[in-house]
Amino acid sequence: MNILIYTQCFAPSLGGIESVMTNIATHATHQGHKVKVLADGSKYYSSKFDSTQKFEIHRFDQFKFLRKKIKFNFAKNLIKENNFDVAIFDSWKSLESFEKDKKLKKICLVHGNEILKLNHYRRILSSLKNANHIVFNSIFTQKLFFKNFKKFPNHKFNIIYPAFIDIYEQKNLKKKYDLCTVARLEYRKGHHLVLESLFQLKNIHNLKLNYAILGNGPELSRLRDLVMKLNLNKQVTFFEEDTKSSKIYNLSKIHIMPTISTPSSIEGFGISNVEAASFGLPCIVSESGGTPESIKNNGKVVKENNLKNLNNSILSVIENLEKYSKNSLLFAKSFEGKRKIKEYLNILKD
């Protein structure tokens, strides 16, 4: 199969959408398909990553207005020269420039946040009408879409949970951290709630837990200040985003991400929860957005923005760590890379 991936988000940049699009390209290539990627981003910053990939990557790093035009014109010529079976788009914004084309099948992913801005209602509607298939990352995201776009015409829809993982066996390493969160440092991820919970567990239950935070983002300075304010310096360690997530998972007991929904931001799924589960980590998540769909019987779903419930869930998972850990490894097997890429490419058979 000849596949074109047209995306704003791609590795080596970090993030949920970057992870999905990169994994689709990587695993499709592993399965013997021919893949070409057109991605936004700095050619200089990406050069080391790009040179090691087994698929072709073209980067577009001009100013936004020029970038969109140059990238689309490049794609038009590429499509003329290549007999692509399918083009996969990371969002309606990437698909927007393309018109309906009977020869080229188009799959567009919908993640959640990008359909919240209803001032873009007409643009979103017009763009997604040009897709042959729309893929939602969770049941929650699909419901949100139809709530906001009730007049959307009959279309082919699929729900595919977007985590790709390798199956890992639990390593008998000394666990340095009781809790960890691997995620971009944004308010909606709920890192601040974990810090407040650590403070209460220490003062109410006399339980001192160590917490590893891996990621970068706008909340970094606020979280550092909160650590100082709550006197958690000896319990919390921040890791830069170039640290491998596997290192943090191997050294931790539980992955925790008590997400919060805001009017402008929601969690559509929760890929890092599945990644953590593949290392045998139980997961504690909130009921916010599509996050509950990223775990099964391998952890706890807590009430959104509820510290008491969060505290009790941490204590419960610690008490039943072995059971939840075994369930995590079983749960993660359904996201194995070979199986997951088939879910995306089998859409073309519908």
Protein backbone atom coordinates (compact mmCIF):
# COMPACT_ATOMS: atom_id res chain seq x y z
CA MET A 1 0.00 0.00 0.00
CA ASN A 2 1.22 3.50 -0.86
CA ILE A 3 0.49 5.88 2.03
CA LEU A 4 0.75 9.67 2.34
CA ILE A 5 0.78 11.16 5.84
CA TYR A 6 -0.04 14.87 5.91
CA THR A 7 0.43 16.31 9.37
CA GLN A 8 1.29 19.36 11.44
CA CYS A 9 2.45 17.17 14.34
CA PHE A 10 5.26 14.64 14.11
CA ALA A 11 8.32 13.39 16.00
CA PRO A 12 10.82 14.36 17.25
CA SER A 13 8.37 16.85 18.78
CA LEU A 14 6.56 15.31 21.75
CA GLY A 15 2.82 15.07 22.30
CA GLY A 16 -0.16 12.80 21.84
CA ILE A 17 -0.87 13.63 18.19
CA GLU A 18 2.85 13.51 17.37
CA SER A 19 2.97 10.02 18.88
CA VAL A 20 -0.03 8.79 16.87
CA MET A 21 1.13 10.08 13.49
CA THR A 22 4.70 8.88 14.00
CA ASN A 23 3.53 5.43 15.06
CA ILE A 24 1.24 5.11 12.05
CA ALA A 25 4.17 5.90 9.75
CA THR A 26 6.60 3.65 11.59
CA HIS A 27 4.36 0.59 11.94
CA ALA A 28 2.97 0.86 8.41
CA THR A 29 6.57 0.84 7.15
CA HIS A 30 7.35 -2.19 9.35
CA GLN A 31 4.44 -3.98 7.69
CA GLY A 32 5.97 -3.42 4.25
CA HIS A 33 3.92 -0.42 3.13
CA LYS A 34 5.49 2.54 1.34
CA VAL A 35 5.13 5.75 3.39
CA LYS A 36 5.80 9.41 2.63
CA VAL A 37 5.35 12.04 5.35
CA LEU A 38 4.76 15.78 4.87
CA ALA A 39 5.19 17.41 8.27
CA ASP A 40 5.53 20.87 9.78
CA GLY A 41 8.64 21.63 11.79
CA SER A 42 12.25 22.74 11.72
CA LYS A 43 14.40 20.85 9.23
CA TYR A 44 17.46 21.55 11.40
CA TYR A 45 15.85 20.37 14.65
CA SER A 46 14.43 17.24 12.97
CA SER A 47 17.40 16.28 10.80
CA LYS A 48 18.93 13.71 13.15
CA PHE A 49 15.57 11.96 13.67
CA ASP A 50 14.60 12.11 9.99
CA SER A 51 17.88 10.60 8.81
CA THR A 52 17.32 7.43 10.87
CA GLN A 53 13.81 6.66 9.60
CA LYS A 54 12.99 4.04 6.96
CA PHE A 55 10.32 6.25 5.38
CA GLU A 56 10.61 9.51 3.48
CA ILE A 57 9.97 12.77 5.41
CA HIS A 58 9.59 16.27 3.96
CA ARG A 59 9.62 19.18 6.44
CA PHE A 60 8.01 22.60 6.05
CA ASP A 61 9.31 25.30 8.37
CA GLN A 62 8.23 28.54 6.71
CA PHE A 63 6.00 31.15 8.36
CA LYS A 64 2.48 29.78 8.88
CA PHE A 65 0.79 31.57 5.94
CA LEU A 66 3.51 30.59 3.46
CA ARG A 67 3.99 27.14 4.96
CA LYS A 68 0.39 26.10 4.35
CA LYS A 69 0.54 27.11 0.67
CA ILE A 70 3.98 25.66 -0.02
CA LYS A 71 3.16 22.39 1.72
CA PHE A 72 -0.15 21.99 -0.14
CA ASN A 73 1.40 22.73 -3.55
CA PHE A 74 4.16 20.21 -2.81
CA ALA A 75 1.49 17.65 -1.88
CA LYS A 76 -0.49 18.27 -5.09
CA ASN A 77 2.57 17.57 -7.22
CA LEU A 78 3.48 14.54 -5.12
CA ILE A 79 -0.02 13.10 -5.51
CA LYS A 80 0.18 13.54 -9.29
CA GLU A 81 3.50 11.69 -9.40
CA ASN A 82 2.54 8.89 -7.00
CA ASN A 83 -0.36 6.49 -6.98
CA PHE A 84 -1.26 6.86 -3.27
CA ASP A 85 -3.86 4.45 -1.93
CA VAL A 86 -4.64 6.64 1.06
CA ALA A 87 -3.76 9.95 2.69
CA ILE A 88 -3.96 10.19 6.48
CA PHE A 89 -4.45 13.63 8.05
CA ASP A 90 -3.79 14.53 11.68
CA SER A 91 -6.72 16.99 11.89
CA TRP A 92 -9.30 18.99 9.97
CA LYS A 93 -6.78 21.85 9.71
CA SER A 94 -4.44 19.68 7.64
CA LEU A 95 -7.28 18.39 5.46
CA GLU A 96 -8.76 21.85 4.90
CA SER A 97 -6.91 22.68 1.68
CA PHE A 98 -7.89 19.42 -0.03
CA GLU A 99 -11.01 18.87 -2.09
CA LYS A 100 -12.89 15.65 -2.69
CA ASP A 101 -10.95 13.30 -4.93
CA LYS A 102 -12.43 9.98 -6.02
CA LYS A 103 -8.98 8.50 -6.68
CA LEU A 104 -7.42 9.37 -3.30
CA LYS A 105 -8.98 7.98 -0.12
CA LYS A 106 -8.65 10.37 2.80
CA ILE A 107 -8.70 9.43 6.49
CA CYS A 108 -8.89 12.28 9.01
CA LEU A 109 -8.27 11.86 12.74
CA VAL A 110 -10.29 13.73 15.38
CA HIS A 111 -8.67 14.04 18.81
CA GLY A 112 -10.94 16.39 20.79
CA ASN A 113 -9.42 19.80 21.46
CA GLU A 114 -9.44 20.88 17.83
CA ILE A 115 -13.25 20.61 17.59
CA LEU A 116 -13.93 22.74 20.68
CA LYS A 117 -13.53 26.09 18.92
CA LEU A 118 -17.01 26.54 17.50
CA ASN A 119 -16.05 29.89 15.98
CA HIS A 120 -14.41 27.61 13.38
CA TYR A 121 -17.66 25.67 12.94
CA ARG A 122 -18.05 26.25 9.19
CA ARG A 123 -14.39 25.55 8.46
CA ILE A 124 -14.42 22.31 10.48
CA LEU A 125 -17.64 21.17 8.83
CA SER A 126 -16.43 21.98 5.32
CA SER A 127 -13.06 20.32 5.86
CA LEU A 128 -14.30 17.06 7.37
CA LYS A 129 -16.89 16.62 4.61
CA ASN A 130 -13.94 15.98 2.29
CA ALA A 131 -12.77 12.95 4.28
CA ASN A 132 -13.78 9.46 3.21
CA HIS A 133 -13.41 8.23 6.79
CA ILE A 134 -13.25 10.03 10.13
CA VAL A 135 -11.43 8.33 13.02
CA PHE A 136 -12.17 9.36 16.61
CA ASN A 137 -9.68 8.62 19.38
CA SER A 138 -12.39 7.67 21.92
CA ILE A 139 -16.11 7.19 22.42
CA PHE A 140 -16.08 10.47 24.35
CA THR A 141 -14.62 12.39 21.39
CA GLN A 142 -17.19 10.93 19.02
CA LYS A 143 -20.05 11.98 21.32
CA LEU A 144 -18.55 15.46 21.68
CA PHE A 145 -18.32 15.79 17.90
CA PHE A 146 -21.96 14.89 17.29
CA LYS A 147 -23.02 17.17 20.13
CA ASN A 148 -21.27 20.12 18.46
CA PHE A 149 -21.97 19.13 14.83
CA LYS A 150 -25.51 17.76 14.83
CA LYS A 151 -26.03 18.52 11.15
CA PHE A 152 -22.98 16.61 9.94
CA PRO A 153 -23.96 14.48 6.91
CA ASN A 154 -23.89 10.69 6.79
CA HIS A 155 -20.28 9.58 6.86
CA LYS A 156 -18.05 6.62 7.64
CA PHE A 157 -16.82 6.82 11.23
CA ASN A 158 -14.48 4.67 13.29
CA ILE A 159 -13.24 4.75 16.86
CA ILE A 160 -9.62 3.66 17.28
CA TYR A 161 -7.78 4.07 20.56
CA PRO A 162 -4.52 5.64 19.37
CA ALA A 163 -1.82 4.04 21.56
CA PHE A 164 0.86 1.89 19.91
CA ILE A 165 3.07 -0.08 22.28
CA ASP A 166 5.64 -2.82 22.42
CA ILE A 167 4.94 -5.50 24.99
CA TYR A 168 7.37 -5.28 27.88
CA GLU A 169 7.98 -7.71 30.65
CA GLN A 170 8.14 -6.26 34.13
CA LYS A 171 11.74 -5.78 35.19
CA ASN A 172 12.76 -6.43 38.75
CA LEU A 173 14.32 -3.00 39.15
CA LYS A 174 14.30 -1.11 42.40
CA LYS A 175 11.40 1.32 42.19
CA LYS A 176 12.66 4.76 43.08
CA TYR A 177 9.33 6.52 42.54
CA ASP A 178 5.92 5.57 43.94
CA LEU A 179 4.10 7.75 41.39
CA CYS A 180 4.95 9.19 38.01
CA THR A 181 3.30 11.30 35.33
CA VAL A 182 4.56 11.32 31.74
CA ALA A 183 2.73 14.12 29.96
CA ARG A 184 3.02 17.66 28.68
CA LEU A 185 2.99 20.12 31.58
CA GLU A 186 -0.42 21.67 31.10
CA TYR A 187 -3.01 22.63 33.70
CA ARG A 188 -5.53 20.08 32.42
CA LYS A 189 -3.16 17.17 33.08
CA GLY A 190 -3.68 17.63 36.84
CA HIS A 191 -0.07 17.56 38.07
CA HIS A 192 -0.98 20.19 40.69
CA LEU A 193 -3.61 17.86 42.15
CA VAL A 194 -1.04 15.11 42.59
CA LEU A 195 1.24 17.54 44.44
CA GLU A 196 -1.59 18.59 46.75
CA SER A 197 -2.40 14.93 47.33
CA LEU A 198 1.24 14.21 48.26
CA PHE A 199 1.06 17.02 50.80
CA GLN A 200 -2.13 15.66 52.38
CA LEU A 201 -0.94 12.04 52.42
CA LYS A 202 2.22 13.14 54.20
CA ASN A 203 0.41 15.25 56.80
CA ILE A 204 -2.74 13.18 57.35
CA HIS A 205 -1.48 9.61 56.81
CA ASN A 206 2.20 10.14 57.55
CA LEU A 207 2.94 8.63 54.12
CA LYS A 208 5.81 10.14 52.13
CA LEU A 209 5.60 9.18 48.45
CA ASN A 210 8.17 9.98 45.77
CA TYR A 211 6.86 11.45 42.52
CA ALA A 212 8.56 11.67 39.09
CA ILE A 213 7.35 14.26 36.56
CA LEU A 214 8.51 13.92 32.95
CA GLY A 215 7.59 16.58 30.43
CA ASN A 216 7.75 20.24 29.53
CA GLY A 217 5.19 22.96 29.02
CA PRO A 218 3.64 26.17 30.36
CA GLU A 219 2.95 24.77 33.85
CA LEU A 220 6.60 24.02 34.69
CA SER A 221 7.37 27.14 36.74
CA ARG A 222 4.02 27.03 38.54
CA LEU A 223 4.55 23.39 39.49
CA ARG A 224 8.07 24.09 40.74
CA ASP A 225 6.69 26.92 42.88
CA LEU A 226 3.99 24.62 44.26
CA VAL A 227 6.60 22.00 45.19
CA MET A 228 8.49 24.67 47.15
CA LYS A 229 5.31 25.99 48.80
CA LEU A 230 4.20 22.51 49.94
CA ASN A 231 7.73 21.57 51.04
CA LEU A 232 7.87 18.57 48.70
CA ASN A 233 11.40 19.17 47.41
CA LYS A 234 12.68 15.81 48.65
CA GLN A 235 9.69 13.91 47.23
CA VAL A 236 9.34 15.36 43.71
CA THR A 237 11.79 15.07 40.81
CA PHE A 238 11.38 16.89 37.49
CA PHE A 239 12.85 15.30 34.34
CA GLU A 240 13.53 17.12 31.08
CA GLU A 241 11.54 16.06 28.02
CA ASP A 242 14.60 14.43 26.39
CA THR A 243 14.59 11.77 29.15
CA LYS A 244 13.24 8.50 27.80
CA SER A 245 9.78 7.69 29.15
CA SER A 246 10.83 4.04 29.47
CA LYS A 247 13.37 5.05 32.12
CA ILE A 248 10.65 6.69 34.23
CA TYR A 249 8.22 3.79 33.81
CA ASN A 250 10.88 1.26 34.80
CA LEU A 251 11.69 3.16 37.98
CA SER A 252 8.06 3.84 39.03
CA LYS A 253 5.21 1.89 40.60
CA ILE A 254 2.09 3.80 39.48
CA HIS A 255 1.22 6.20 36.65
CA ILE A 256 -1.14 8.99 37.69
CA MET A 257 -2.89 11.60 35.53
CA PRO A 258 -6.02 13.14 37.13
CA THR A 259 -7.01 15.28 34.15
CA ILE A 260 -9.36 18.26 34.30
CA SER A 261 -11.65 19.56 31.54
CA THR A 262 -11.79 23.29 30.84
CA PRO A 263 -13.94 25.19 28.31
CA SER A 264 -10.99 25.35 25.91
CA SER A 265 -9.23 22.05 26.62
CA ILE A 266 -10.12 18.40 27.16
CA GLU A 267 -8.26 15.09 27.27
CA GLY A 268 -9.50 13.02 24.34
CA PHE A 269 -7.84 9.78 25.42
CA GLY A 270 -4.58 9.34 27.40
CA ILE A 271 -1.84 7.53 25.50
CA SER A 272 0.71 7.65 28.32
CA ASN A 273 -1.62 5.56 30.52
CA VAL A 274 -1.44 2.71 28.02
CA GLU A 275 2.32 3.12 27.62
CA ALA A 276 2.72 2.93 31.40
CA ALA A 277 0.50 -0.15 31.54
CA SER A 278 2.83 -1.93 29.10
CA PHE A 279 5.54 -1.64 31.78
CA GLY A 280 3.19 -3.11 34.38
CA LEU A 281 2.22 0.19 35.99
CA PRO A 282 -1.32 0.53 37.36
CA CYS A 283 -2.93 3.83 36.36
CA ILE A 284 -4.96 6.38 38.29
CA VAL A 285 -6.97 8.70 36.04
CA SER A 286 -9.93 11.03 36.36
CA GLU A 287 -13.39 10.78 34.84
CA SER A 288 -12.59 13.80 32.65
CA GLY A 289 -12.99 13.53 28.88
CA GLY A 290 -11.93 10.26 27.28
CA THR A 291 -9.32 9.48 29.93
CA PRO A 292 -11.31 6.62 31.56
CA GLU A 293 -11.13 4.77 28.23
CA SER A 294 -7.33 4.57 28.54
CA ILE A 295 -7.53 2.05 31.41
CA LYS A 296 -9.63 -1.02 32.12
CA ASN A 297 -9.37 -3.04 35.34
CA ASN A 298 -5.77 -1.98 35.90
CA GLY A 299 -6.32 1.07 38.08
CA LYS A 300 -8.76 3.62 39.40
CA VAL A 301 -10.96 6.30 37.87
CA VAL A 302 -11.39 9.18 40.31
CA LYS A 303 -13.87 12.02 40.41
CA GLU A 304 -12.63 15.07 38.57
CA ASN A 305 -10.89 17.66 40.76
CA ASN A 306 -11.64 15.68 43.95
CA LEU A 307 -8.63 15.45 46.29
CA LYS A 308 -10.24 13.16 48.83
CA ASN A 309 -11.14 10.64 46.14
CA LEU A 310 -7.62 10.94 44.67
CA ASN A 311 -6.00 10.29 48.06
CA ASN A 312 -8.13 7.21 48.71
CA SER A 313 -7.44 5.84 45.23
CA ILE A 314 -3.68 6.19 45.65
CA LEU A 315 -3.87 4.31 48.95
CA SER A 316 -6.06 1.60 47.41
CA VAL A 317 -3.80 1.02 44.40
CA ILE A 318 -0.70 0.86 46.61
CA GLU A 319 -2.43 -1.76 48.74
CA ASN A 320 -3.36 -3.85 45.68
CA LEU A 321 -0.32 -3.08 43.55
CA GLU A 322 0.47 -6.62 42.41
CA LYS A 323 -3.07 -7.31 41.18
CA TYR A 324 -3.35 -4.05 39.26
CA SER A 325 0.13 -4.49 37.81
CA LYS A 326 -0.73 -7.90 36.32
CA ASN A 327 -3.93 -6.45 34.88
CA SER A 328 -1.93 -3.62 33.27
CA LEU A 329 0.30 -6.03 31.34
CA LEU A 330 -2.76 -7.94 30.09
CA PHE A 331 -4.58 -4.74 29.13
CA ALA A 332 -1.58 -3.38 27.19
CA LYS A 333 -1.43 -6.40 24.87
CA SER A 334 -4.46 -5.17 22.92
CA PHE A 335 -2.42 -2.11 21.85
CA GLU A 336 0.49 -4.05 20.37
CA GLY A 337 1.83 -2.19 17.32
CA LYS A 338 1.21 -4.83 14.63
CA ARG A 339 -2.40 -5.19 15.72
CA LYS A 340 -2.98 -1.45 16.03
CA ILE A 341 -1.74 -0.44 12.57
CA LYS A 342 -4.10 -2.99 11.05
CA GLU A 343 -7.03 -1.20 12.71
CA TYR A 344 -6.15 1.99 10.80
CA LEU A 345 -5.41 0.37 7.45
CA ASN A 346 -8.40 -2.00 7.59
CA ILE A 347 -10.62 1.10 7.44
CA LEU A 348 -10.00 1.07 3.68
CA LYS A 349 -11.76 -2.30 3.42
CA ASP A 350 -15.03 -0.90 4.80
